[in-house]
Protein backbone atom coordinates (compact mmCIF):
# COMPACT_ATOMS: atom_id res chain seq x y z
CA MET A 1 -15.25 96.36 11.04
CA THR A 2 -12.10 97.82 11.95
CA ASP A 3 -10.30 96.36 8.75
CA THR A 4 -6.90 95.18 9.08
CA ASN A 5 -3.80 95.39 6.78
CA LEU A 6 -1.48 94.18 4.83
CA ILE A 7 1.76 95.71 4.03
CA LEU A 8 2.61 94.88 0.64
CA GLY A 9 5.62 97.37 -0.29
CA ALA A 10 6.05 101.11 -1.18
CA ALA A 11 5.27 103.47 -4.00
CA ASN A 12 6.84 106.79 -3.94
CA GLY A 13 7.29 106.53 -0.26
CA THR A 14 3.36 105.37 0.23
CA LEU A 15 2.84 101.91 1.59
CA ILE A 16 0.98 100.03 -0.59
CA GLU A 17 -1.16 97.55 1.76
CA GLN A 18 -4.38 94.64 1.22
CA LEU A 19 -7.24 95.07 2.44
CA GLY A 20 -8.13 91.81 5.03
CA SER A 21 -11.37 91.96 4.17
CA MET A 22 -10.52 91.30 1.18
CA SER A 23 -8.22 88.81 1.03
CA ASN A 24 -10.84 86.72 0.30
CA ARG A 25 -11.77 88.01 -3.59
CA HIS A 26 -8.18 85.97 -4.08
CA GLY A 27 -5.69 86.94 -5.95
CA ILE A 28 -2.68 86.18 -8.80
CA ILE A 29 0.99 86.99 -8.50
CA THR A 30 2.90 86.69 -12.15
CA GLY A 31 5.72 87.43 -13.92
CA ALA A 32 9.11 85.74 -15.29
CA THR A 33 11.35 83.23 -13.51
CA GLY A 34 13.73 85.15 -11.32
CA THR A 35 11.91 88.45 -10.98
CA GLY A 36 10.82 87.98 -7.88
CA LYS A 37 7.81 86.17 -7.34
CA THR A 38 8.84 83.80 -4.24
CA VAL A 39 10.02 86.97 -2.24
CA SER A 40 6.15 88.36 -2.81
CA LEU A 41 3.94 84.87 -2.06
CA GLN A 42 6.73 84.97 1.34
CA VAL A 43 5.94 88.38 2.04
CA LEU A 44 2.40 87.79 1.96
CA ALA A 45 2.21 84.09 3.72
CA GLU A 46 4.04 86.42 6.92
CA ALA A 47 1.71 88.55 6.57
CA PHE A 48 -1.75 87.35 6.89
CA SER A 49 0.27 84.68 9.50
CA LYS A 50 1.14 87.35 11.82
CA ALA A 51 -2.52 88.85 11.06
CA GLY A 52 -3.25 84.89 12.75
CA VAL A 53 -4.53 83.81 9.09
CA PRO A 54 -3.34 79.83 8.83
CA VAL A 55 -1.89 79.78 5.38
CA PHE A 56 -1.07 76.77 3.30
CA ALA A 57 1.59 77.86 0.35
CA ALA A 58 3.15 74.81 -2.39
CA ASP A 59 7.10 75.35 -2.29
CA ILE A 60 7.88 74.62 -6.33
CA LYS A 61 11.49 75.30 -5.85
CA GLY A 62 11.93 74.31 -2.46
CA ASP A 63 12.92 77.48 -1.07
CA LEU A 64 10.03 78.94 0.44
CA SER A 65 10.93 76.38 3.93
CA GLY A 66 13.42 79.29 4.70
CA ILE A 67 9.87 81.08 6.10
CA ALA A 68 10.17 79.04 9.38
CA ALA A 69 13.81 81.03 10.13
CA ALA A 70 14.95 84.70 10.92
CA GLY A 71 16.40 86.30 8.03
CA LYS A 72 19.87 87.96 8.35
CA PRO A 73 20.85 91.40 7.85
CA HIS A 74 21.96 92.54 4.17
CA LYS A 75 23.36 95.85 2.61
CA LYS A 76 19.96 95.18 0.04
CA ILE A 77 17.85 94.87 2.86
CA ASP A 78 18.82 98.19 4.29
CA GLU A 79 18.55 100.05 1.11
CA ARG A 80 15.05 98.52 0.57
CA LEU A 81 13.50 99.48 4.06
CA GLU A 82 14.96 103.24 3.77
CA GLN A 83 12.83 103.03 0.71
CA ILE A 84 9.71 101.95 2.33
CA PRO A 85 7.95 103.83 5.68
CA LEU A 86 7.35 100.07 7.29
CA PRO A 87 5.85 100.90 10.94
CA GLU A 88 8.36 97.81 12.47
CA TYR A 89 10.32 95.15 10.63
CA ASN A 90 12.03 92.29 13.09
CA GLN A 91 13.54 89.53 11.03
CA ARG A 92 12.53 86.79 12.79
CA GLY A 93 11.17 83.04 11.72
CA TYR A 94 6.99 82.14 11.41
CA PRO A 95 5.38 79.28 12.98
CA THR A 96 5.86 76.32 10.37
CA LEU A 97 4.45 73.15 9.62
CA LEU A 98 6.26 71.24 6.62
CA TRP A 99 4.23 68.83 4.36
CA ASP A 100 5.67 66.06 1.32
CA VAL A 101 3.50 64.06 -0.58
CA PHE A 102 6.16 61.28 -0.10
CA GLY A 103 7.10 61.58 3.59
CA LYS A 104 10.60 62.58 3.30
CA GLN A 105 10.73 66.25 3.30
CA GLY A 106 8.13 66.92 5.44
CA HIS A 107 5.33 65.02 7.03
CA PRO A 108 3.30 62.55 4.98
CA ILE A 109 0.21 63.88 3.53
CA ARG A 110 -2.58 62.01 1.83
CA ALA A 111 -6.11 61.71 0.77
CA THR A 112 -8.51 58.57 -0.03
CA VAL A 113 -9.29 57.78 -3.33
CA SER A 114 -13.36 57.92 -2.14
CA GLU A 115 -12.29 61.20 -0.44
CA VAL A 116 -10.77 62.33 -4.15
CA GLY A 117 -13.69 61.46 -6.34
CA PRO A 118 -14.37 60.38 -10.03
CA LEU A 119 -14.09 63.72 -11.18
CA LEU A 120 -10.66 64.55 -10.16
CA LEU A 121 -9.35 60.73 -10.55
CA SER A 122 -10.97 60.36 -14.21
CA SER A 123 -9.07 63.59 -14.59
CA LEU A 124 -6.20 62.60 -13.49
CA LEU A 125 -6.09 59.41 -15.35
CA GLU A 126 -6.97 60.98 -18.58
CA LEU A 127 -10.07 59.07 -19.64
CA ASN A 128 -12.10 58.67 -22.29
CA ASP A 129 -15.46 59.41 -22.14
CA THR A 130 -16.20 55.88 -21.74
CA GLN A 131 -13.70 55.23 -19.80
CA THR A 132 -15.20 58.17 -17.05
CA GLY A 133 -18.56 56.38 -16.96
CA VAL A 134 -17.06 52.93 -15.38
CA LEU A 135 -15.31 55.03 -13.39
CA TYR A 136 -18.31 57.16 -11.76
CA ALA A 137 -20.43 53.96 -12.20
CA ALA A 138 -17.62 52.31 -9.34
CA PHE A 139 -18.07 55.15 -7.07
CA LYS A 140 -21.53 55.44 -7.57
CA MET A 141 -21.56 51.41 -6.45
CA ALA A 142 -19.52 52.22 -3.42
CA ASP A 143 -20.71 54.92 -2.62
CA ASP A 144 -24.36 53.75 -2.90
CA ASP A 145 -23.43 51.23 0.20
CA GLY A 146 -21.59 53.27 1.89
CA MET A 147 -18.14 51.70 1.31
CA LEU A 148 -14.77 53.15 1.29
CA LEU A 149 -12.47 52.90 -1.34
CA LEU A 150 -9.39 54.05 0.47
CA ASP A 151 -5.94 52.99 -1.32
CA LEU A 152 -6.03 51.95 -5.05
CA LYS A 153 -6.00 48.37 -4.38
CA ASP A 154 -9.60 49.22 -3.56
CA LEU A 155 -10.52 50.59 -6.56
CA ARG A 156 -8.99 48.18 -8.79
CA ALA A 157 -10.93 45.69 -6.97
CA LEU A 158 -14.62 47.32 -7.29
CA LEU A 159 -13.94 47.38 -10.87
CA SER A 160 -12.34 43.65 -11.35
CA PHE A 161 -15.40 42.72 -9.32
CA MET A 162 -17.68 44.97 -11.44
CA ALA A 163 -16.44 43.68 -14.52
CA GLN A 164 -17.23 40.02 -13.36
CA HIS A 165 -20.49 40.55 -12.24
CA ASN A 166 -21.71 43.24 -15.13
CA LYS A 167 -24.72 41.19 -16.28
CA GLU A 168 -26.19 41.84 -12.68
CA LEU A 169 -25.06 44.83 -12.45
CA ARG A 170 -25.66 46.48 -15.96
CA LEU A 171 -29.47 47.66 -14.99
CA ASP A 172 -28.74 50.05 -12.07
CA TYR A 173 -25.26 51.01 -13.31
CA GLY A 174 -24.72 50.09 -17.05
CA ASN A 175 -22.71 48.31 -18.87
CA ILE A 176 -18.77 47.68 -17.02
CA SER A 177 -17.10 46.11 -19.85
CA SER A 178 -13.97 44.16 -19.67
CA ALA A 179 -12.17 46.37 -21.75
CA SER A 180 -13.28 49.53 -20.31
CA VAL A 181 -12.12 47.93 -17.11
CA ALA A 182 -8.78 46.55 -18.26
CA ALA A 183 -7.97 50.19 -20.04
CA ILE A 184 -8.97 52.20 -16.50
CA THR A 185 -6.69 49.37 -14.44
CA ARG A 186 -3.20 49.77 -16.89
CA ARG A 187 -3.21 53.84 -16.17
CA LEU A 188 -4.11 53.43 -12.55
CA LEU A 189 -0.59 50.62 -12.53
CA VAL A 190 1.40 53.85 -14.33
CA LEU A 191 -0.81 56.43 -11.41
CA GLU A 192 1.13 53.94 -8.70
CA GLU A 193 4.91 54.74 -11.09
CA GLN A 194 4.39 58.37 -11.10
CA GLY A 195 3.81 57.99 -7.07
CA ALA A 196 0.07 58.83 -6.73
CA GLU A 197 -0.13 55.58 -3.99
CA ALA A 198 2.17 58.15 -1.86
CA PHE A 199 -1.14 60.22 -1.86
CA LEU A 200 -4.10 58.08 -1.87
CA GLY A 201 -4.23 56.08 1.28
CA GLU A 202 -4.88 56.45 5.42
CA PRO A 203 -4.43 58.28 7.60
CA ALA A 204 -5.71 60.26 5.57
CA ILE A 205 -4.93 64.87 6.82
CA THR A 206 -7.52 66.54 8.64
CA LEU A 207 -8.37 69.87 7.28
CA ALA A 208 -8.07 71.10 11.16
CA ASP A 209 -4.50 70.39 11.04
CA LEU A 210 -3.96 72.88 8.27
CA MET A 211 -5.59 75.70 9.84
CA GLN A 212 -3.97 76.39 13.45
CA LYS A 213 -1.94 79.23 15.31
CA ASP A 214 0.71 79.62 17.50
CA PHE A 215 0.32 80.10 21.33
CA SER A 216 0.90 83.67 20.67
CA GLY A 217 -1.84 83.84 17.95
CA ASN A 218 0.28 83.86 14.74
CA GLY A 219 -1.44 81.48 11.92
CA VAL A 220 0.82 78.67 11.03
CA ILE A 221 2.27 78.34 7.56
CA ASN A 222 1.62 74.93 5.96
CA ILE A 223 4.50 73.76 3.95
CA LEU A 224 3.94 71.66 1.19
CA ASP A 225 7.10 70.48 -0.46
CA ALA A 226 6.26 69.72 -4.07
CA THR A 227 9.85 69.98 -5.73
CA ARG A 228 9.67 65.97 -6.41
CA LEU A 229 5.80 66.25 -6.88
CA THR A 230 5.40 68.19 -9.94
CA GLN A 231 8.61 67.60 -11.82
CA GLU A 232 7.75 63.61 -11.76
CA ALA A 233 3.64 63.79 -11.51
CA PRO A 234 2.79 67.47 -12.60
CA ARG A 235 -1.07 66.01 -12.52
CA VAL A 236 -1.05 63.94 -8.99
CA TYR A 237 0.42 68.06 -7.77
CA ALA A 238 -2.69 69.75 -9.13
CA THR A 239 -5.15 66.77 -8.33
CA PHE A 240 -3.70 67.17 -4.83
CA LEU A 241 -4.35 70.95 -4.91
CA LEU A 242 -7.68 70.96 -6.01
CA TRP A 243 -8.89 68.38 -4.04
CA LEU A 244 -8.16 70.18 -0.78
CA LEU A 245 -9.77 73.07 -2.71
CA SER A 246 -12.58 70.59 -2.59
CA GLU A 247 -12.02 69.69 0.56
CA VAL A 248 -12.12 73.21 2.51
CA PHE A 249 -15.25 73.94 0.23
CA GLU A 250 -17.18 71.37 1.64
CA GLU A 251 -16.11 71.40 4.98
CA LEU A 252 -15.89 75.57 6.26
CA PRO A 253 -19.66 76.91 6.81
CA GLU A 254 -20.68 79.67 5.92
CA ALA A 255 -18.49 83.16 7.03
CA GLY A 256 -20.12 86.14 5.69
CA ASP A 257 -18.14 89.74 6.18
CA ALA A 258 -15.15 88.90 8.57
CA GLU A 259 -12.05 91.26 8.87
CA LEU A 260 -9.51 89.00 7.75
CA PRO A 261 -9.90 85.17 6.37
CA LYS A 262 -9.94 82.47 7.82
CA PHE A 263 -7.70 80.49 5.51
CA VAL A 264 -5.32 81.21 2.16
CA MET A 265 -4.06 79.39 0.18
CA PHE A 266 -0.98 79.79 -2.65
CA PHE A 267 -1.18 77.86 -5.13
CA ASP A 268 2.15 77.94 -7.59
CA GLU A 269 3.02 76.90 -11.42
CA ALA A 270 -1.19 77.35 -11.04
CA HIS A 271 -1.23 76.85 -15.03
CA LEU A 272 -0.71 72.55 -14.03
CA LEU A 273 -4.17 73.10 -12.18
CA PHE A 274 -5.54 73.64 -15.22
CA ASN A 275 -3.19 72.52 -18.40
CA ARG A 276 -5.72 69.46 -20.07
CA ALA A 277 -8.26 69.17 -17.94
CA PRO A 278 -11.79 68.28 -19.18
CA ALA A 279 -14.61 71.12 -19.01
CA PRO A 280 -16.52 69.39 -16.85
CA LEU A 281 -13.75 70.21 -14.25
CA LEU A 282 -12.36 73.52 -15.54
CA ASP A 283 -16.52 74.57 -14.98
CA LYS A 284 -16.37 72.95 -11.36
CA ILE A 285 -13.15 74.43 -10.76
CA GLU A 286 -14.20 78.60 -11.52
CA GLN A 287 -17.53 78.02 -9.80
CA VAL A 288 -16.34 76.51 -6.70
CA ALA A 289 -13.36 79.64 -6.57
CA ARG A 290 -16.48 81.96 -7.00
CA LEU A 291 -18.46 80.47 -3.58
CA ILE A 292 -15.37 79.77 -1.61
CA ARG A 293 -15.32 83.23 -0.70
CA SER A 294 -18.45 82.86 0.93
CA LYS A 295 -16.59 80.33 3.19
CA GLY A 296 -13.70 82.99 3.95
CA VAL A 297 -10.86 81.45 2.36
CA GLY A 298 -8.64 83.41 -0.22
CA ILE A 299 -6.76 81.99 -3.07
CA PHE A 300 -3.74 82.83 -4.81
CA PHE A 301 -2.07 81.80 -7.96
CA ILE A 302 1.64 81.91 -8.56
CA THR A 303 2.52 81.41 -12.23
CA GLN A 304 4.23 83.51 -14.56
CA SER A 305 1.60 85.14 -17.19
CA PRO A 306 -1.85 85.84 -16.52
CA LEU A 307 -3.35 84.45 -19.44
CA ASP A 308 -2.06 80.75 -18.01
CA LEU A 309 -5.64 80.99 -16.11
CA PRO A 310 -8.87 80.14 -18.16
CA GLU A 311 -10.45 83.72 -18.83
CA ASN A 312 -13.75 82.87 -15.94
CA VAL A 313 -11.27 82.12 -13.19
CA LEU A 314 -8.85 85.25 -13.76
CA GLY A 315 -11.87 87.78 -14.12
CA GLN A 316 -12.37 86.50 -9.88
CA MET A 317 -8.57 88.42 -8.92
CA GLY A 318 -9.22 90.84 -7.01
CA MET A 319 -5.40 91.33 -5.61
CA LYS A 320 -3.01 91.63 -8.42
CA ILE A 321 0.84 91.69 -8.36
CA GLN A 322 2.30 91.34 -11.48
CA HIS A 323 6.44 91.21 -12.00
CA ALA A 324 8.34 91.42 -15.17
CA LEU A 325 7.34 90.05 -18.34
CA ARG A 326 10.11 89.77 -21.31
CA ALA A 327 9.18 90.61 -24.65
CA TYR A 328 10.79 88.43 -26.76
CA THR A 329 8.82 87.58 -29.98
CA PRO A 330 5.80 89.36 -31.27
CA LYS A 331 3.30 86.98 -29.43
CA ASP A 332 5.37 87.95 -26.17
CA ARG A 333 4.52 91.45 -27.56
CA LYS A 334 1.11 91.21 -27.27
CA VAL A 335 0.67 89.03 -24.16
CA ILE A 336 1.98 91.81 -22.31
CA ARG A 337 -0.57 94.36 -23.92
CA ALA A 338 -3.10 92.12 -22.48
CA VAL A 339 -1.54 92.27 -19.21
CA ALA A 340 -1.49 96.16 -18.90
CA ASP A 341 -5.02 96.37 -20.19
CA SER A 342 -6.01 94.33 -17.20
CA PHE A 343 -4.95 96.66 -14.74
CA ARG A 344 -7.23 99.89 -13.79
CA ALA A 345 -4.43 102.47 -15.58
CA ASN A 346 -2.38 104.83 -13.43
CA PRO A 347 -1.79 108.26 -15.43
CA ASP A 348 1.62 108.81 -13.86
CA PHE A 349 3.29 106.35 -15.91
CA ASP A 350 2.95 103.92 -19.21
CA THR A 351 1.53 100.26 -17.33
CA GLU A 352 2.63 98.32 -20.79
CA ALA A 353 6.31 100.31 -20.72
CA ALA A 354 6.63 99.29 -17.47
CA ILE A 355 5.69 95.83 -17.38
CA THR A 356 9.16 95.06 -19.13
CA ASP A 357 10.93 97.91 -16.92
CA LEU A 358 10.58 96.42 -13.37
CA GLY A 359 13.72 95.60 -11.92
CA THR A 360 13.75 92.55 -8.96
CA GLY A 361 11.80 92.71 -6.16
CA GLU A 362 9.57 95.72 -7.67
CA ALA A 363 5.93 94.74 -9.19
CA LEU A 364 2.84 96.48 -10.82
CA VAL A 365 0.53 95.92 -7.56
CA SER A 366 -3.31 96.04 -7.88
CA VAL A 367 -5.74 95.70 -4.42
CA LEU A 368 -9.29 96.12 -4.06
CA ASP A 369 -10.76 99.18 -2.23
CA THR A 370 -13.41 99.56 0.72
CA LYS A 371 -16.20 98.76 -1.98
CA GLY A 372 -14.61 95.66 -3.54
CA ALA A 373 -13.15 98.34 -6.52
CA PRO A 374 -9.65 97.85 -7.78
CA GLN A 375 -7.62 101.14 -7.35
CA PRO A 376 -5.16 102.59 -9.84
CA VAL A 377 -2.32 100.20 -10.08
CA GLN A 378 1.19 101.48 -8.73
CA ARG A 379 4.35 100.35 -9.40
CA THR A 380 6.01 98.95 -6.46
CA LEU A 381 9.16 97.97 -4.33
CA ILE A 382 7.82 94.99 -2.69
CA CYS A 383 8.38 94.53 1.48
CA PRO A 384 12.02 92.62 2.15
CA PRO A 385 10.57 89.34 4.59
CA GLU A 386 11.55 89.31 7.82
CA SER A 387 12.19 85.57 7.45
CA ARG A 388 14.66 83.99 5.60
CA ILE A 389 15.01 84.29 1.90
CA GLY A 390 16.43 80.59 0.94
CA PRO A 391 15.28 77.11 2.17
CA LEU A 392 16.73 75.65 5.39
CA THR A 393 19.05 73.49 5.97
CA ASN A 394 18.93 69.60 5.45
CA ALA A 395 19.70 69.86 9.46
CA GLU A 396 17.37 72.86 10.21
CA ARG A 397 14.78 70.98 8.18
CA LYS A 398 14.84 67.71 10.41
CA ASP A 399 15.13 69.35 13.64
CA LYS A 400 12.24 71.00 12.54
CA LEU A 401 9.98 67.82 12.05
CA SER A 402 11.24 65.82 14.60
CA SER A 403 10.08 68.83 17.78
CA SER A 404 6.93 69.82 15.24
CA PRO A 405 3.24 68.89 16.73
CA MET A 406 2.39 66.52 13.86
CA ALA A 407 5.31 64.20 14.34
CA GLY A 408 4.54 60.67 14.14
CA LYS A 409 0.91 61.43 13.61
CA TYR A 410 0.66 60.89 9.60
CA ASP A 411 3.89 58.72 9.23
CA VAL A 412 2.43 55.41 9.51
CA THR A 413 0.29 53.98 6.50
CA LEU A 414 -3.04 52.52 7.48
CA ASP A 415 -4.32 49.80 5.77
CA ARG A 416 -8.23 49.28 7.83
CA GLU A 417 -11.04 46.86 6.19
CA SER A 418 -11.89 48.39 2.59
CA ALA A 419 -13.22 47.65 -0.61
CA TYR A 420 -10.48 44.87 -1.11
CA GLU A 421 -10.93 42.71 2.02
CA LEU A 422 -14.88 43.28 1.90
CA LEU A 423 -14.70 42.27 -1.36
CA ARG A 424 -12.08 39.44 -0.91
CA GLU A 425 -14.14 38.25 1.89
CA ARG A 426 -17.44 38.07 -0.44
CA ALA A 427 -15.86 35.93 -3.85
CA ASP A 428 -14.49 33.59 -0.76
CA LYS A 429 -18.23 32.86 0.35
CA LEU A 430 -19.43 32.44 -3.21
CA ALA A 431 -16.87 30.36 -4.28
CA ALA A 432 -17.31 28.42 -1.30
CA SER A 433 -21.56 28.25 -1.20
CA GLU A 434 -20.88 27.13 -5.01
CA GLU A 435 -18.75 24.44 -4.42
CA LYS A 436 -21.36 22.99 -1.24
CA GLU A 437 -24.28 23.42 -4.07
CA LYS A 438 -21.27 21.49 -6.84
CA GLU A 439 -21.32 18.48 -3.88
CA THR A 440 -25.31 19.07 -3.24
CA ALA A 441 -26.04 18.68 -7.00
CA ALA A 442 -23.85 15.97 -7.10
CA ALA A 443 -25.63 13.90 -4.34
CA GLU A 444 -29.21 14.56 -5.47
CA LYS A 445 -28.19 13.11 -8.68
CA ALA A 446 -26.91 9.96 -7.44
CA ALA A 447 -30.09 9.65 -4.92
CA ALA A 448 -32.00 10.03 -8.11
CA LYS A 449 -30.94 6.80 -9.88
CA SER A 450 -32.68 5.06 -7.52
CA ALA A 451 -35.48 7.10 -7.47
CA ALA A 452 -39.34 7.97 -9.63
CA PRO A 453 -38.03 11.28 -11.41
CA ARG A 454 -38.76 14.51 -10.09
CA LYS A 455 -39.35 17.90 -12.32
CA ARG A 456 -37.59 20.95 -10.09
CA SER A 457 -39.29 24.17 -10.00
CA SER A 458 -37.98 26.57 -13.11
CA ASN A 459 -38.11 29.85 -10.60
CA ARG A 460 -35.94 27.64 -8.22
CA GLN A 461 -32.86 30.04 -6.43
CA SER A 462 -29.61 28.32 -5.82
CA ALA A 463 -27.93 28.72 -2.64
CA GLY A 464 -25.02 30.29 -5.13
CA GLU A 465 -27.47 32.44 -6.93
CA ALA A 466 -29.13 33.73 -3.29
CA MET A 467 -25.46 33.99 -2.59
CA LEU A 468 -24.26 36.14 -5.36
CA LYS A 469 -27.17 38.55 -5.53
CA SER A 470 -26.91 39.41 -1.62
CA THR A 471 -23.25 40.32 -2.24
CA LEU A 472 -24.52 42.14 -5.21
CA ARG A 473 -27.09 44.41 -3.15
CA SER A 474 -24.92 44.68 -0.52
CA VAL A 475 -21.44 44.47 -0.91
CA GLY A 476 -20.58 45.05 2.88
CA THR A 477 -20.14 48.57 4.39
CA SER A 478 -17.74 50.34 6.34
CA LEU A 479 -19.78 53.73 7.30
CA GLY A 480 -23.26 52.08 6.99
CA ARG A 481 -24.44 55.32 4.91
CA ALA A 482 -24.58 55.89 1.44
CA LEU A 483 -21.78 58.93 0.96
CA ILE A 484 -22.76 62.11 -0.31
CA ARG A 485 -20.58 64.42 -2.97
CA GLY A 486 -19.88 67.67 -3.22
CA LEU A 487 -19.17 70.37 -6.38
CA LEU A 488 -15.93 68.54 -7.25
CA GLY A 489 -16.94 64.98 -6.45
CA SER A 490 -15.24 64.64 -2.63
CA PHE A 491 -17.52 63.42 -0.17
CA ARG A 492 -18.43 65.59 2.31
CA ARG A 493 -18.24 64.49 5.74
């Protein structure tokens, strides 16, 4: 297998390169604000795109969209190129698709409630154990009957149905208390106010649309504009990224050893994925991060400090790019010492001292060798991107969206028949059946006055009871079969 090298920069005139075959071993880009993390992300995304690997990247500050436009000559770029012996450097834009949960700065990107699943949704809603149990019961009932929960009104309708028929459902799904349902419903209303309704619905994103190449064989770079999302609804942002990670893990087949990964994902503000996440979810994230390597997928976390990641997740990061950290307090110095100790030492310099001495666009870089072992850390000048450093203008973004192959595909929301409509239809039928039974009982009572008394069998089932039991046995299906869920709770297609 011939390896493809991804050039990151240079140390003392020698190129520092990431092996393509080691890029599914994940990586982390860290550093204080303004030290060049976004540029390092941009350089890596360009390198993967040139190698033919599709990329997904979350854009927190709104300036990563410039990767779609060619960079402009600049004196500082010329100075940097003089110190990095690049085989070629051509300023150009890269094939890019723009996405936005709210549909303003890019194409809308959505998932259904059923796809997100109870594990991620209970974390998003910050439910207690009792409420989480009720939510799991609701998904279990929907999954058993193959009923899709497409949006939040579907979930509310199912929860309401279960609360109304708690006695009949208790044997199969446990106690569904009205108080727990009311608490979950209130949380759902808060979630809607934060904009989650824009994310949860149809048409849901198709993974194939995020894993494309252009006509020249370059991997398409998908940019999610998350500026508004991280400010107004950071937990929705975290849930979306974790859902996407789960979707990729469940959908892609095993890949084995390969020259390059099939897909690479960059998660900025990575600490948001782990803050306040319950222990069961953290365990699942760690498991997915470990197992997704075999699917040929590389994950790169971007955050200020490596300690923002759980230790078990951090231990799986193969490539490390550490930009400058500042030491203002004893706690800061303790963090820097811990970060320095995580690198394989280089005898040519003091790693701990270098972390506070790095300039903008300079980083400590550690990559893996062909056997997967970390090489000694190198003080590295990061390459200048070939694309623009800075965002697209509003006019450029508009032109990019109008000429996109995804134009129109996800713009209009769908509201096809799902749990809400099916449950309402059956409730109407049940009410009509009960009304008819009342009329029949009234007629029988009137007839009984002129006839001899007749004892009714105690085990006779009324029409209303039969209708209710039929509804509970099968509340209606849109798939016609039970749903199967994966590690993070998203269902497997």
